[in-house]
C-alpha atoms as a PDB file:
ATOM      1  CA  MET A   1      41.768  14.414 -36.461  1.00  0.00           C
ATOM      2  CA  ILE A   2      45.010  15.877 -35.504  1.00  0.00           C
ATOM      3  CA  GLU A   3      46.306  14.274 -32.605  1.00  0.00           C
ATOM      4  CA  ARG A   4      48.561  16.000 -30.010  1.00  0.00           C
ATOM      5  CA  LYS A   5      50.644  14.207 -26.964  1.00  0.00           C
ATOM      6  CA  ASN A   6      53.631  14.887 -24.810  1.00  0.00           C
ATOM      7  CA  PRO A   7      54.878  11.541 -24.674  1.00  0.00           C
ATOM      8  CA  SER A   8      55.680  10.358 -20.728  1.00  0.00           C
ATOM      9  CA  ASN A   9      59.719   9.767 -21.557  1.00  0.00           C
ATOM     10  CA  LEU A  10      60.526  13.272 -21.383  1.00  0.00           C
ATOM     11  CA  ALA A  11      60.380  16.292 -19.244  1.00  0.00           C
ATOM     12  CA  PRO A  12      56.704  18.322 -19.694  1.00  0.00           C
ATOM     13  CA  PRO A  13      56.908  21.313 -22.147  1.00  0.00           C
ATOM     14  CA  VAL A  14      58.111  24.132 -20.982  1.00  0.00           C
ATOM     15  CA  GLY A  15      55.509  26.264 -22.235  1.00  0.00           C
ATOM     16  CA  ARG A  16      51.997  26.421 -23.718  1.00  0.00           C
ATOM     17  CA  TYR A  17      52.782  23.676 -26.671  1.00  0.00           C
ATOM     18  CA  HIS A  18      52.759  19.859 -27.212  1.00  0.00           C
ATOM     19  CA  HIS A  19      56.015  18.279 -27.884  1.00  0.00           C
ATOM     20  CA  LEU A  20      54.173  16.082 -30.632  1.00  0.00           C
ATOM     21  CA  THR A  21      51.608  16.813 -33.198  1.00  0.00           C
ATOM     22  CA  ILE A  22      50.585  13.646 -35.545  1.00  0.00           C
ATOM     23  CA  ILE A  23      49.019  14.856 -38.858  1.00  0.00           C
ATOM     24  CA  PRO A  24      46.258  12.417 -40.242  1.00  0.00           C
ATOM     25  CA  ALA A  25      47.395   9.979 -43.320  1.00  0.00           C
ATOM     26  CA  GLY A  26      45.695  12.122 -46.346  1.00  0.00           C
ATOM     27  CA  SER A  27      45.782  15.340 -45.029  1.00  0.00           C
ATOM     28  CA  ASP A  28      46.502  18.629 -46.853  1.00  0.00           C
ATOM     29  CA  ILE A  29      49.419  20.487 -45.469  1.00  0.00           C
ATOM     30  CA  LEU A  30      49.079  24.140 -45.498  1.00  0.00           C
ATOM     31  CA  ALA A  31      52.176  26.245 -45.209  1.00  0.00           C
ATOM     32  CA  ILE A  32      51.387  30.037 -43.794  1.00  0.00           C
ATOM     33  CA  ALA A  33      54.118  32.555 -44.192  1.00  0.00           C
ATOM     34  CA  GLY A  34      55.380  34.375 -41.553  1.00  0.00           C
ATOM     35  CA  GLN A  35      53.101  36.523 -40.685  1.00  0.00           C
ATOM     36  CA  VAL A  36      54.193  40.055 -39.321  1.00  0.00           C
ATOM     37  CA  GLY A  37      52.234  42.957 -36.831  1.00  0.00           C
ATOM     38  CA  LEU A  38      50.357  44.281 -39.579  1.00  0.00           C
ATOM     39  CA  ASP A  39      46.340  44.333 -38.815  1.00  0.00           C
ATOM     40  CA  GLU A  40      43.872  43.987 -41.990  1.00  0.00           C
ATOM     41  CA  SER A  41      44.178  47.035 -42.506  1.00  0.00           C
ATOM     42  CA  GLY A  42      47.658  47.506 -43.178  1.00  0.00           C
ATOM     43  CA  HIS A  43      48.452  49.500 -40.017  1.00  0.00           C
ATOM     44  CA  LEU A  44      51.635  48.377 -37.942  1.00  0.00           C
ATOM     45  CA  PRO A  45      50.905  49.370 -34.000  1.00  0.00           C
ATOM     46  CA  ALA A  46      54.404  50.097 -31.886  1.00  0.00           C
ATOM     47  CA  THR A  47      54.373  47.543 -29.352  1.00  0.00           C
ATOM     48  CA  VAL A  48      55.298  43.639 -29.804  1.00  0.00           C
ATOM     49  CA  GLU A  49      52.376  42.694 -27.925  1.00  0.00           C
ATOM     50  CA  GLU A  50      49.971  44.306 -30.371  1.00  0.00           C
ATOM     51  CA  GLN A  51      52.142  43.286 -33.151  1.00  0.00           C
ATOM     52  CA  LEU A  52      52.003  39.711 -32.056  1.00  0.00           C
ATOM     53  CA  ALA A  53      48.510  39.500 -31.505  1.00  0.00           C
ATOM     54  CA  ASN A  54      47.565  40.915 -35.175  1.00  0.00           C
ATOM     55  CA  ALA A  55      50.474  38.385 -36.358  1.00  0.00           C
ATOM     56  CA  LEU A  56      48.584  35.661 -34.552  1.00  0.00           C
ATOM     57  CA  SER A  57      45.297  37.172 -36.210  1.00  0.00           C
ATOM     58  CA  ASN A  58      46.706  37.446 -39.299  1.00  0.00           C
ATOM     59  CA  VAL A  59      46.987  33.259 -39.207  1.00  0.00           C
ATOM     60  CA  THR A  60      43.440  32.714 -37.838  1.00  0.00           C
ATOM     61  CA  ARG A  61      42.290  34.783 -40.898  1.00  0.00           C
ATOM     62  CA  ILE A  62      44.097  32.424 -43.301  1.00  0.00           C
ATOM     63  CA  LEU A  63      42.671  29.827 -41.830  1.00  0.00           C
ATOM     64  CA  GLN A  64      39.282  31.049 -41.500  1.00  0.00           C
ATOM     65  CA  SER A  65      39.619  31.226 -45.657  1.00  0.00           C
ATOM     66  CA  GLU A  66      40.209  27.637 -45.973  1.00  0.00           C
ATOM     67  CA  GLY A  67      37.340  26.880 -43.480  1.00  0.00           C
ATOM     68  CA  LEU A  68      39.523  26.211 -40.447  1.00  0.00           C
ATOM     69  CA  ASP A  69      40.313  27.255 -37.140  1.00  0.00           C
ATOM     70  CA  HIS A  70      43.464  27.371 -34.612  1.00  0.00           C
ATOM     71  CA  ARG A  71      42.776  23.327 -34.376  1.00  0.00           C
ATOM     72  CA  ALA A  72      44.371  22.890 -37.559  1.00  0.00           C
ATOM     73  CA  VAL A  73      47.409  23.588 -36.652  1.00  0.00           C
ATOM     74  CA  PHE A  74      49.963  21.726 -35.420  1.00  0.00           C
ATOM     75  CA  LYS A  75      53.471  24.135 -35.663  1.00  0.00           C
ATOM     76  CA  VAL A  76      54.001  27.120 -34.970  1.00  0.00           C
ATOM     77  CA  ASN A  77      57.285  29.278 -35.210  1.00  0.00           C
ATOM     78  CA  MET A  78      57.503  32.883 -33.647  1.00  0.00           C
ATOM     79  CA  TRP A  79      60.646  35.025 -33.392  1.00  0.00           C
ATOM     80  CA  LEU A  80      60.413  38.256 -31.575  1.00  0.00           C
ATOM     81  CA  THR A  81      63.416  41.287 -31.803  1.00  0.00           C
ATOM     82  CA  GLN A  82      61.897  42.791 -28.205  1.00  0.00           C
ATOM     83  CA  PRO A  83      61.280  40.998 -24.964  1.00  0.00           C
ATOM     84  CA  ILE A  84      57.428  40.632 -24.222  1.00  0.00           C
ATOM     85  CA  GLU A  85      56.343  40.662 -20.502  1.00  0.00           C
ATOM     86  CA  ARG A  86      55.305  36.417 -19.998  1.00  0.00           C
ATOM     87  CA  GLU A  87      51.456  37.316 -18.431  1.00  0.00           C
ATOM     88  CA  ARG A  88      50.631  39.060 -22.042  1.00  0.00           C
ATOM     89  CA  TYR A  89      53.032  36.879 -23.954  1.00  0.00           C
ATOM     90  CA  VAL A  90      50.857  33.542 -22.380  1.00  0.00           C
ATOM     91  CA  GLU A  91      47.377  35.758 -22.504  1.00  0.00           C
ATOM     92  CA  ILE A  92      48.153  36.502 -26.169  1.00  0.00           C
ATOM     93  CA  TRP A  93      49.198  33.075 -27.169  1.00  0.00           C
ATOM     94  CA  ARG A  94      46.087  31.191 -25.100  1.00  0.00           C
ATOM     95  CA  GLY A  95      43.942  33.913 -26.930  1.00  0.00           C
ATOM     96  CA  PHE A  96      44.924  32.076 -30.073  1.00  0.00           C
ATOM     97  CA  HIS A  97      45.212  28.430 -29.238  1.00  0.00           C
ATOM     98  CA  SER A  98      42.070  28.517 -26.752  1.00  0.00           C
ATOM     99  CA  ASP A  99      43.628  25.691 -24.271  1.00  0.00           C
ATOM    100  CA  GLU A 100      44.612  23.715 -27.733  1.00  0.00           C
ATOM    101  CA  PRO A 101      48.277  24.568 -27.769  1.00  0.00           C
ATOM    102  CA  PRO A 102      50.355  23.206 -30.699  1.00  0.00           C
ATOM    103  CA  ALA A 103      53.964  22.147 -31.096  1.00  0.00           C
ATOM    104  CA  SER A 104      55.942  25.706 -31.378  1.00  0.00           C
ATOM    105  CA  MET A 105      58.872  27.514 -31.200  1.00  0.00           C
ATOM    106  CA  PHE A 106      59.911  30.691 -29.636  1.00  0.00           C
ATOM    107  CA  ALA A 107      62.995  32.527 -30.158  1.00  0.00           C
ATOM    108  CA  TYR A 108      64.162  35.919 -29.616  1.00  0.00           C
ATOM    109  CA  VAL A 109      66.177  37.187 -32.593  1.00  0.00           C
ATOM    110  CA  SER A 110      68.225  40.514 -33.247  1.00  0.00           C
ATOM    111  CA  ALA A 111      65.857  41.808 -36.461  1.00  0.00           C
ATOM    112  CA  MET A 112      63.395  41.306 -38.895  1.00  0.00           C
ATOM    113  CA  ILE A 113      63.605  42.523 -42.610  1.00  0.00           C
ATOM    114  CA  ARG A 114      62.466  45.855 -41.283  1.00  0.00           C
ATOM    115  CA  PRO A 115      63.663  47.488 -38.368  1.00  0.00           C
ATOM    116  CA  GLU A 116      59.737  48.347 -37.228  1.00  0.00           C
ATOM    117  CA  TYR A 117      58.757  44.717 -37.737  1.00  0.00           C
ATOM    118  CA  LEU A 118      59.490  43.065 -34.079  1.00  0.00           C
ATOM    119  CA  VAL A 119      57.174  40.087 -34.938  1.00  0.00           C
ATOM    120  CA  GLU A 120      57.257  37.505 -37.132  1.00  0.00           C
ATOM    121  CA  VAL A 121      54.663  34.088 -36.754  1.00  0.00           C
ATOM    122  CA  GLU A 122      55.067  31.104 -38.943  1.00  0.00           C
ATOM    123  CA  ALA A 123      52.571  28.428 -39.331  1.00  0.00           C
ATOM    124  CA  TRP A 124      51.917  24.947 -40.155  1.00  0.00           C
ATOM    125  CA  ALA A 125      48.207  23.641 -40.759  1.00  0.00           C
ATOM    126  CA  ALA A 126      46.615  20.140 -41.637  1.00  0.00           C
ATOM    127  CA  ARG A 127      43.048  19.781 -43.539  1.00  0.00           C
ATOM    128  CA  PRO A 128      41.844  16.634 -42.728  1.00  0.00           C
ATOM    129  CA  PRO A 129      40.586  14.228 -45.662  1.00  0.00           C
ATOM    130  CA  LYS A 130      37.110  15.023 -46.457  1.00  0.00           C
ATOM    131  CA  GLU A 131      36.066  11.432 -45.236  1.00  0.00           C
ATOM    132  CA  ALA A 132      37.252  12.284 -41.437  1.00  0.00           C
ATOM    133  CA  ILE A 133      35.505  15.814 -41.819  1.00  0.00           C
END
C-alpha cells in the first residue's frame, strides 16, 4: 500500500498534497506522459479549467486501463499557462484525488508545445506487488 505523510519536522503543505509518498518495495512504477486538455474524443476546450479537468481525467483513464485508480498515483506535476481561480483549482484537483492527495508540483509557464494547450499534467503511479493486492 502506498503511504502518504507530512513529516512533523517541517511546515504543513501549502496546498492539497502530501510532502512524502513511500512506495512499497517490488511495486511496478508507471510513468504517465504529460497529458494536455484534450477530451477522450480529441476535442480541446477553450478554458484552462476545462483543460485541467480533462488532463486529470486522461490520467484517470490511463490508470483505469491498468486496473488502477487515483490511489496508485504518488506524484503529479502540473503546468498551466494561464491563471486559474483557486477555488476552481481546488475543486478540480480534489475531484481527481478524492481527499487522498499525492505529492504534487504546480507551476505557471509561458507556453506549451502548441499555443492552444493551456495545461499539461504528468503523473507517476505505482502498482503494488501482486502479493500485496
